Amino acid sequence: MIEVYSWPTPNGHKVHIMLEECGLAYRVHPVDIGAGDQFAPAFLAISPNNKIPAITDPEGPDGQPISLFESGAILLYLAGKTGRLLPADVRGKYEVLQWLMFQMGGVGPMLGQAHHFRIYAPDKLPYAIERYSNEARRLYNVINKRLAHSTYIGGRDYSIADIAVFPWLRSWKNQGVEMADYPHLKGWFDEIAKRPAVQRGLEVLAGARKPLTDDKAREALFGRRQLEQR
C-alpha cells in the first residue's frame, strides 16, 4: 500500500486522482499545512522542500521502498509503475511531458500567485493582482487553443498532463477568469470533472480543508517560518 502525505490542494489532488485512476491501494496521511505539519521532521525526511504531496511506496522499482516528493515526479513515477496514462511511444511520451512541464513551470506557480494576491495577501496590491490575473487569462488561452485542436491536453488520449492541469483550474473564479470565455477548455474541463476516479480523488481529505483566516496559518504558509533552519 502506498503511503500518501497530502492535503486537499491542487497539487495534492493531482496525486489523489492519479492513484484512483490507476486503481492503486493507498493510505492518506493528512499534512495540515495551515497548522505547520509540513515542518515536522518525519515529513521533511521524505519532502525536504516542506511541500505536499509526498509518497512512500514499499515496493519501489528495485523491490525496496522509495519516497518521492514533487507532484510531477510522483505522477511520472506512478505512470511508470503501472504503465498507464503516459504513452509508450517516444513521440507521444514527449508530447505529454511538455504539457506536464507547462503545468509545473507555468500553470501551478502563476495561478498560485493569482490566488495569493487576489485572495490571501493582507494588502491588496493592484499591480500584483493585475499582473497575475492577466497571466492566468493568458494561460487559460494557451490551454483553450491547444484543446481546439487536441482531444486532451497531452494529445489524443487522457494522460498525466490532464491530471496535472485539471485541479488548478477548479478555482477559476479566484483567478479572475471567466470560464465561458474559453469554450474548448470548458468542454474538456466538464468532461474530466465527470470521471469517477477524478471525483473520488477530489473527495480525499475534502472535509479537512479550512478557510485561511488566522495569523498562525498565514505564518506557516507565507511567513518567516518558511525561513527557519531545520
C-alpha atoms as a PDB file:
ATOM      1  CA  MET A   1       0.000   0.000   0.000  1.00  0.00           C
ATOM      2  CA  ILE A   2       1.354   3.404  -0.978  1.00  0.00           C
ATOM      3  CA  GLU A   3       1.551   5.934   1.853  1.00  0.00           C
ATOM      4  CA  VAL A   4       0.411   9.394   0.736  1.00  0.00           C
ATOM      5  CA  TYR A   5       1.245  12.537   2.698  1.00  0.00           C
ATOM      6  CA  SER A   6      -1.050  15.208   1.425  1.00  0.00           C
ATOM      7  CA  TRP A   7      -3.628  17.956   1.836  1.00  0.00           C
ATOM      8  CA  PRO A   8      -6.637  18.928  -0.343  1.00  0.00           C
ATOM      9  CA  THR A   9      -4.860  21.425  -2.597  1.00  0.00           C
ATOM     10  CA  PRO A  10      -4.447  21.283  -6.391  1.00  0.00           C
ATOM     11  CA  ASN A  11      -1.054  19.596  -6.072  1.00  0.00           C
ATOM     12  CA  GLY A  12      -2.422  17.120  -3.570  1.00  0.00           C
ATOM     13  CA  HIS A  13      -5.423  16.378  -5.783  1.00  0.00           C
ATOM     14  CA  LYS A  14      -3.160  15.529  -8.710  1.00  0.00           C
ATOM     15  CA  VAL A  15      -1.764  12.552  -6.815  1.00  0.00           C
ATOM     16  CA  HIS A  16      -5.108  11.534  -5.300  1.00  0.00           C
ATOM     17  CA  ILE A  17      -6.643  11.448  -8.793  1.00  0.00           C
ATOM     18  CA  MET A  18      -3.710   9.546 -10.282  1.00  0.00           C
ATOM     19  CA  LEU A  19      -3.889   6.884  -7.601  1.00  0.00           C
ATOM     20  CA  GLU A  20      -7.610   6.478  -8.200  1.00  0.00           C
ATOM     21  CA  GLU A  21      -7.193   6.341 -11.977  1.00  0.00           C
ATOM     22  CA  CYS A  22      -4.527   3.656 -11.608  1.00  0.00           C
ATOM     23  CA  GLY A  23      -6.507   1.645  -9.056  1.00  0.00           C
ATOM     24  CA  LEU A  24      -3.589   1.547  -6.623  1.00  0.00           C
ATOM     25  CA  ALA A  25      -4.100   0.867  -2.938  1.00  0.00           C
ATOM     26  CA  TYR A  26      -3.063   3.822  -0.801  1.00  0.00           C
ATOM     27  CA  ARG A  27      -3.382   5.253   2.681  1.00  0.00           C
ATOM     28  CA  VAL A  28      -3.598   9.016   3.226  1.00  0.00           C
ATOM     29  CA  HIS A  29      -1.775  10.851   5.989  1.00  0.00           C
ATOM     30  CA  PRO A  30      -3.087  14.423   6.289  1.00  0.00           C
ATOM     31  CA  VAL A  31      -0.430  17.125   6.439  1.00  0.00           C
ATOM     32  CA  ASP A  32      -2.229  20.229   7.676  1.00  0.00           C
ATOM     33  CA  ILE A  33      -0.186  22.943   6.005  1.00  0.00           C
ATOM     34  CA  GLY A  34      -2.071  25.684   7.846  1.00  0.00           C
ATOM     35  CA  ALA A  35      -1.091  24.149  11.186  1.00  0.00           C
ATOM     36  CA  GLY A  36       2.557  23.738  10.148  1.00  0.00           C
ATOM     37  CA  ASP A  37       2.587  19.938   9.849  1.00  0.00           C
ATOM     38  CA  GLN A  38       4.856  20.295   6.807  1.00  0.00           C
ATOM     39  CA  PHE A  39       7.730  21.297   9.099  1.00  0.00           C
ATOM     40  CA  ALA A  40       7.643  18.090  11.158  1.00  0.00           C
ATOM     41  CA  PRO A  41      10.968  16.197  10.958  1.00  0.00           C
ATOM     42  CA  ALA A  42       9.266  12.991   9.835  1.00  0.00           C
ATOM     43  CA  PHE A  43       7.669  14.774   6.881  1.00  0.00           C
ATOM     44  CA  LEU A  44      10.838  16.686   5.989  1.00  0.00           C
ATOM     45  CA  ALA A  45      12.655  13.364   5.800  1.00  0.00           C
ATOM     46  CA  ILE A  46      10.637  12.500   2.690  1.00  0.00           C
ATOM     47  CA  SER A  47       9.819  16.020   1.464  1.00  0.00           C
ATOM     48  CA  PRO A  48      12.830  18.257   2.141  1.00  0.00           C
ATOM     49  CA  ASN A  49      11.161  21.213   0.389  1.00  0.00           C
ATOM     50  CA  ASN A  50       8.395  21.089   3.073  1.00  0.00           C
ATOM     51  CA  LYS A  51       5.662  20.883   0.442  1.00  0.00           C
ATOM     52  CA  ILE A  52       2.874  18.389  -0.119  1.00  0.00           C
ATOM     53  CA  PRO A  53       2.332  15.893  -1.626  1.00  0.00           C
ATOM     54  CA  ALA A  54       4.859  13.170  -0.957  1.00  0.00           C
ATOM     55  CA  ILE A  55       4.596   9.395  -1.133  1.00  0.00           C
ATOM     56  CA  THR A  56       6.354   6.310   0.124  1.00  0.00           C
ATOM     57  CA  ASP A  57       5.987   3.134  -1.911  1.00  0.00           C
ATOM     58  CA  PRO A  58       7.099  -0.022  -0.053  1.00  0.00           C
ATOM     59  CA  GLU A  59       7.526  -1.752  -3.410  1.00  0.00           C
ATOM     60  CA  GLY A  60       9.855   0.545  -5.317  1.00  0.00           C
ATOM     61  CA  PRO A  61      11.462  -0.128  -8.723  1.00  0.00           C
ATOM     62  CA  ASP A  62      14.064  -2.468  -7.216  1.00  0.00           C
ATOM     63  CA  GLY A  63      11.680  -4.066  -4.739  1.00  0.00           C
ATOM     64  CA  GLN A  64      12.832  -1.733  -1.988  1.00  0.00           C
ATOM     65  CA  PRO A  65      10.895   1.218  -0.501  1.00  0.00           C
ATOM     66  CA  ILE A  66      11.136   4.551  -2.266  1.00  0.00           C
ATOM     67  CA  SER A  67       9.988   8.001  -1.147  1.00  0.00           C
ATOM     68  CA  LEU A  68       9.220  10.818  -3.551  1.00  0.00           C
ATOM     69  CA  PHE A  69       8.219  14.460  -3.326  1.00  0.00           C
ATOM     70  CA  GLU A  70       7.077  16.939  -6.038  1.00  0.00           C
ATOM     71  CA  SER A  71       3.721  16.172  -7.634  1.00  0.00           C
ATOM     72  CA  GLY A  72       5.065  15.984 -11.190  1.00  0.00           C
ATOM     73  CA  ALA A  73       7.714  13.457 -10.208  1.00  0.00           C
ATOM     74  CA  ILE A  74       5.081  11.404  -8.401  1.00  0.00           C
ATOM     75  CA  LEU A  75       2.806  11.387 -11.455  1.00  0.00           C
ATOM     76  CA  LEU A  76       5.684  10.178 -13.604  1.00  0.00           C
ATOM     77  CA  TYR A  77       6.608   7.510 -11.076  1.00  0.00           C
ATOM     78  CA  LEU A  78       3.062   6.173 -10.837  1.00  0.00           C
ATOM     79  CA  ALA A  79       2.711   6.199 -14.624  1.00  0.00           C
ATOM     80  CA  GLY A  80       5.918   4.196 -14.885  1.00  0.00           C
ATOM     81  CA  LYS A  81       4.896   1.809 -12.126  1.00  0.00           C
ATOM     82  CA  THR A  82       1.539   1.000 -13.714  1.00  0.00           C
ATOM     83  CA  GLY A  83       2.222   1.566 -17.411  1.00  0.00           C
ATOM     84  CA  ARG A  84      -0.761   3.873 -17.546  1.00  0.00           C
ATOM     85  CA  LEU A  85      -1.560   7.464 -18.556  1.00  0.00           C
ATOM     86  CA  LEU A  86       1.744   8.125 -20.323  1.00  0.00           C
ATOM     87  CA  PRO A  87       2.232   6.964 -23.929  1.00  0.00           C
ATOM     88  CA  ALA A  88       4.762   4.219 -24.523  1.00  0.00           C
ATOM     89  CA  ASP A  89       5.908   5.586 -27.891  1.00  0.00           C
ATOM     90  CA  VAL A  90       8.674   8.171 -27.708  1.00  0.00           C
ATOM     91  CA  ARG A  91       6.904  10.911 -29.674  1.00  0.00           C
ATOM     92  CA  GLY A  92       3.675  10.564 -27.712  1.00  0.00           C
ATOM     93  CA  LYS A  93       5.529  10.471 -24.407  1.00  0.00           C
ATOM     94  CA  TYR A  94       7.364  13.731 -25.037  1.00  0.00           C
ATOM     95  CA  GLU A  95       4.217  15.412 -26.286  1.00  0.00           C
ATOM     96  CA  VAL A  96       2.620  14.655 -22.921  1.00  0.00           C
ATOM     97  CA  LEU A  97       5.740  15.565 -20.954  1.00  0.00           C
ATOM     98  CA  GLN A  98       5.989  19.045 -22.469  1.00  0.00           C
ATOM     99  CA  TRP A  99       2.472  19.795 -21.241  1.00  0.00           C
ATOM    100  CA  LEU A 100       3.231  18.322 -17.841  1.00  0.00           C
ATOM    101  CA  MET A 101       6.210  20.691 -17.618  1.00  0.00           C
ATOM    102  CA  PHE A 102       3.938  23.530 -18.774  1.00  0.00           C
ATOM    103  CA  GLN A 103       1.767  22.847 -15.756  1.00  0.00           C
ATOM    104  CA  MET A 104       4.665  22.512 -13.338  1.00  0.00           C
ATOM    105  CA  GLY A 105       6.506  25.596 -14.557  1.00  0.00           C
ATOM    106  CA  GLY A 106       3.581  27.823 -15.533  1.00  0.00           C
ATOM    107  CA  VAL A 107       0.050  26.867 -14.562  1.00  0.00           C
ATOM    108  CA  GLY A 108       0.795  25.925 -10.953  1.00  0.00           C
ATOM    109  CA  PRO A 109       3.144  28.759  -9.977  1.00  0.00           C
ATOM    110  CA  MET A 110       1.295  31.516 -11.837  1.00  0.00           C
ATOM    111  CA  LEU A 111      -2.215  30.540 -10.781  1.00  0.00           C
ATOM    112  CA  GLY A 112      -0.872  30.102  -7.262  1.00  0.00           C
ATOM    113  CA  GLN A 113       0.335  33.690  -7.332  1.00  0.00           C
ATOM    114  CA  ALA A 114      -3.032  34.831  -8.684  1.00  0.00           C
ATOM    115  CA  HIS A 115      -4.709  33.093  -5.744  1.00  0.00           C
ATOM    116  CA  HIS A 116      -2.283  34.645  -3.311  1.00  0.00           C
ATOM    117  CA  PHE A 117      -2.545  38.257  -4.366  1.00  0.00           C
ATOM    118  CA  ARG A 118      -6.275  38.180  -5.137  1.00  0.00           C
ATOM    119  CA  ILE A 119      -7.418  36.185  -2.081  1.00  0.00           C
ATOM    120  CA  TYR A 120      -4.784  35.736   0.628  1.00  0.00           C
ATOM    121  CA  ALA A 121      -2.455  38.746   0.615  1.00  0.00           C
ATOM    122  CA  PRO A 122      -3.189  41.064   3.553  1.00  0.00           C
ATOM    123  CA  ASP A 123      -2.521  44.096   1.334  1.00  0.00           C
ATOM    124  CA  LYS A 124      -4.324  44.226  -1.990  1.00  0.00           C
ATOM    125  CA  LEU A 125      -1.636  45.381  -4.402  1.00  0.00           C
ATOM    126  CA  PRO A 126      -3.181  46.479  -7.716  1.00  0.00           C
ATOM    127  CA  TYR A 127      -0.026  45.819  -9.745  1.00  0.00           C
ATOM    128  CA  ALA A 128       0.340  42.253  -8.432  1.00  0.00           C
ATOM    129  CA  ILE A 129      -3.357  41.499  -8.849  1.00  0.00           C
ATOM    130  CA  GLU A 130      -3.341  42.750 -12.440  1.00  0.00           C
ATOM    131  CA  ARG A 131      -0.053  41.012 -13.244  1.00  0.00           C
ATOM    132  CA  TYR A 132      -1.092  37.556 -12.130  1.00  0.00           C
ATOM    133  CA  SER A 133      -4.741  37.816 -13.190  1.00  0.00           C
ATOM    134  CA  ASN A 134      -3.547  38.669 -16.702  1.00  0.00           C
ATOM    135  CA  GLU A 135      -1.114  35.766 -16.631  1.00  0.00           C
ATOM    136  CA  ALA A 136      -3.924  33.444 -15.540  1.00  0.00           C
ATOM    137  CA  ARG A 137      -6.012  34.537 -18.513  1.00  0.00           C
ATOM    138  CA  ARG A 138      -3.046  34.090 -20.843  1.00  0.00           C
ATOM    139  CA  LEU A 139      -2.502  30.524 -19.605  1.00  0.00           C
ATOM    140  CA  TYR A 140      -6.188  29.689 -19.965  1.00  0.00           C
ATOM    141  CA  ASN A 141      -5.982  30.938 -23.540  1.00  0.00           C
ATOM    142  CA  VAL A 142      -2.956  28.745 -24.257  1.00  0.00           C
ATOM    143  CA  ILE A 143      -4.859  25.705 -22.988  1.00  0.00           C
ATOM    144  CA  ASN A 144      -8.008  26.709 -24.855  1.00  0.00           C
ATOM    145  CA  LYS A 145      -6.103  26.969 -28.159  1.00  0.00           C
ATOM    146  CA  ARG A 146      -4.470  23.615 -27.535  1.00  0.00           C
ATOM    147  CA  LEU A 147      -7.831  21.962 -26.899  1.00  0.00           C
ATOM    148  CA  ALA A 148      -9.283  23.467 -30.063  1.00  0.00           C
ATOM    149  CA  HIS A 149      -7.067  21.009 -31.970  1.00  0.00           C
ATOM    150  CA  SER A 150      -6.444  18.203 -29.469  1.00  0.00           C
ATOM    151  CA  THR A 151      -8.904  15.986 -27.623  1.00  0.00           C
ATOM    152  CA  TYR A 152      -6.802  16.138 -24.459  1.00  0.00           C
ATOM    153  CA  ILE A 153      -4.022  18.412 -23.307  1.00  0.00           C
ATOM    154  CA  GLY A 154      -1.276  15.879 -23.967  1.00  0.00           C
ATOM    155  CA  GLY A 155      -2.705  14.552 -27.211  1.00  0.00           C
ATOM    156  CA  ARG A 156      -5.432  12.201 -28.344  1.00  0.00           C
ATOM    157  CA  ASP A 157      -5.552  10.245 -25.063  1.00  0.00           C
ATOM    158  CA  TYR A 158      -6.235  11.220 -21.462  1.00  0.00           C
ATOM    159  CA  SER A 159      -2.932  11.390 -19.598  1.00  0.00           C
ATOM    160  CA  ILE A 160      -0.980  12.717 -16.641  1.00  0.00           C
ATOM    161  CA  ALA A 161      -0.966  16.118 -18.386  1.00  0.00           C
ATOM    162  CA  ASP A 162      -4.739  16.381 -17.920  1.00  0.00           C
ATOM    163  CA  ILE A 163      -4.478  15.156 -14.337  1.00  0.00           C
ATOM    164  CA  ALA A 164      -1.836  17.784 -13.584  1.00  0.00           C
ATOM    165  CA  VAL A 165      -3.724  20.735 -15.074  1.00  0.00           C
ATOM    166  CA  PHE A 166      -7.321  19.999 -14.079  1.00  0.00           C
ATOM    167  CA  PRO A 167      -7.157  20.619 -10.299  1.00  0.00           C
ATOM    168  CA  TRP A 168      -5.579  24.046 -10.821  1.00  0.00           C
ATOM    169  CA  LEU A 169      -8.495  25.230 -12.955  1.00  0.00           C
ATOM    170  CA  ARG A 170     -11.218  24.385 -10.450  1.00  0.00           C
ATOM    171  CA  SER A 171     -10.783  27.778  -8.751  1.00  0.00           C
ATOM    172  CA  TRP A 172     -11.090  29.836 -11.923  1.00  0.00           C
ATOM    173  CA  LYS A 173     -13.230  32.471 -10.227  1.00  0.00           C
ATOM    174  CA  ASN A 174     -10.489  33.138  -7.659  1.00  0.00           C
ATOM    175  CA  GLN A 175      -8.040  33.588 -10.529  1.00  0.00           C
ATOM    176  CA  GLY A 176     -10.026  36.384 -12.149  1.00  0.00           C
ATOM    177  CA  VAL A 177     -11.084  34.144 -15.044  1.00  0.00           C
ATOM    178  CA  GLU A 178     -14.463  33.656 -16.691  1.00  0.00           C
ATOM    179  CA  MET A 179     -14.599  30.027 -17.804  1.00  0.00           C
ATOM    180  CA  ALA A 180     -17.185  30.742 -20.511  1.00  0.00           C
ATOM    181  CA  ASP A 181     -14.550  32.784 -22.361  1.00  0.00           C
ATOM    182  CA  TYR A 182     -12.657  29.560 -23.112  1.00  0.00           C
ATOM    183  CA  PRO A 183     -15.176  27.158 -24.719  1.00  0.00           C
ATOM    184  CA  HIS A 184     -12.745  24.420 -25.737  1.00  0.00           C
ATOM    185  CA  LEU A 185     -11.201  24.410 -22.278  1.00  0.00           C
ATOM    186  CA  LYS A 186     -14.634  24.380 -20.653  1.00  0.00           C
ATOM    187  CA  GLY A 187     -15.742  21.361 -22.683  1.00  0.00           C
ATOM    188  CA  TRP A 188     -12.606  19.477 -21.669  1.00  0.00           C
ATOM    189  CA  PHE A 189     -12.965  20.585 -18.037  1.00  0.00           C
ATOM    190  CA  ASP A 190     -16.570  19.400 -17.822  1.00  0.00           C
ATOM    191  CA  GLU A 191     -15.633  16.029 -19.299  1.00  0.00           C
ATOM    192  CA  ILE A 192     -12.742  15.491 -16.883  1.00  0.00           C
ATOM    193  CA  ALA A 193     -14.914  16.510 -13.917  1.00  0.00           C
ATOM    194  CA  LYS A 194     -17.327  13.671 -14.718  1.00  0.00           C
ATOM    195  CA  ARG A 195     -14.727  10.925 -14.493  1.00  0.00           C
ATOM    196  CA  PRO A 196     -15.459   8.703 -11.464  1.00  0.00           C
ATOM    197  CA  ALA A 197     -11.777   8.447 -10.485  1.00  0.00           C
ATOM    198  CA  VAL A 198     -11.451  12.228 -10.609  1.00  0.00           C
ATOM    199  CA  GLN A 199     -14.487  12.644  -8.400  1.00  0.00           C
ATOM    200  CA  ARG A 200     -13.116  10.122  -5.909  1.00  0.00           C
ATOM    201  CA  GLY A 201      -9.729  11.824  -5.907  1.00  0.00           C
ATOM    202  CA  LEU A 202     -11.265  15.204  -5.183  1.00  0.00           C
ATOM    203  CA  GLU A 203     -13.066  13.754  -2.173  1.00  0.00           C
ATOM    204  CA  VAL A 204      -9.797  12.751  -0.498  1.00  0.00           C
ATOM    205  CA  LEU A 205      -9.424  14.934   2.626  1.00  0.00           C
ATOM    206  CA  ALA A 206     -12.101  17.255   1.223  1.00  0.00           C
ATOM    207  CA  GLY A 207     -13.618  17.765   4.663  1.00  0.00           C
ATOM    208  CA  ALA A 208     -10.291  18.658   6.267  1.00  0.00           C
ATOM    209  CA  ARG A 209      -9.523  21.905   4.484  1.00  0.00           C
ATOM    210  CA  LYS A 210     -10.323  25.082   6.377  1.00  0.00           C
ATOM    211  CA  PRO A 211     -10.539  28.703   5.227  1.00  0.00           C
ATOM    212  CA  LEU A 212      -7.293  30.590   5.683  1.00  0.00           C
ATOM    213  CA  THR A 213      -8.333  33.173   8.247  1.00  0.00           C
ATOM    214  CA  ASP A 214      -5.915  33.106  11.186  1.00  0.00           C
ATOM    215  CA  ASP A 215      -2.436  34.594  11.546  1.00  0.00           C
ATOM    216  CA  LYS A 216      -0.880  31.269  12.576  1.00  0.00           C
ATOM    217  CA  ALA A 217      -1.894  29.662   9.292  1.00  0.00           C
ATOM    218  CA  ARG A 218      -0.672  32.658   7.293  1.00  0.00           C
ATOM    219  CA  GLU A 219       2.684  32.493   9.074  1.00  0.00           C
ATOM    220  CA  ALA A 220       3.012  28.770   8.345  1.00  0.00           C
ATOM    221  CA  LEU A 221       2.182  29.200   4.673  1.00  0.00           C
ATOM    222  CA  PHE A 222       3.627  32.572   3.753  1.00  0.00           C
ATOM    223  CA  GLY A 223       5.617  33.982   6.680  1.00  0.00           C
ATOM    224  CA  ARG A 224       9.074  33.821   8.170  1.00  0.00           C
ATOM    225  CA  ARG A 225       8.511  30.307   9.473  1.00  0.00           C
ATOM    226  CA  GLN A 226       9.401  29.155   5.978  1.00  0.00           C
ATOM    227  CA  LEU A 227      12.911  30.546   6.514  1.00  0.00           C
ATOM    228  CA  GLU A 228      13.728  28.727   9.742  1.00  0.00           C
ATOM    229  CA  GLN A 229      16.664  26.353   9.610  1.00  0.00           C
ATOM    230  CA  ARG A 230      15.641  22.712  10.051  1.00  0.00           C
END
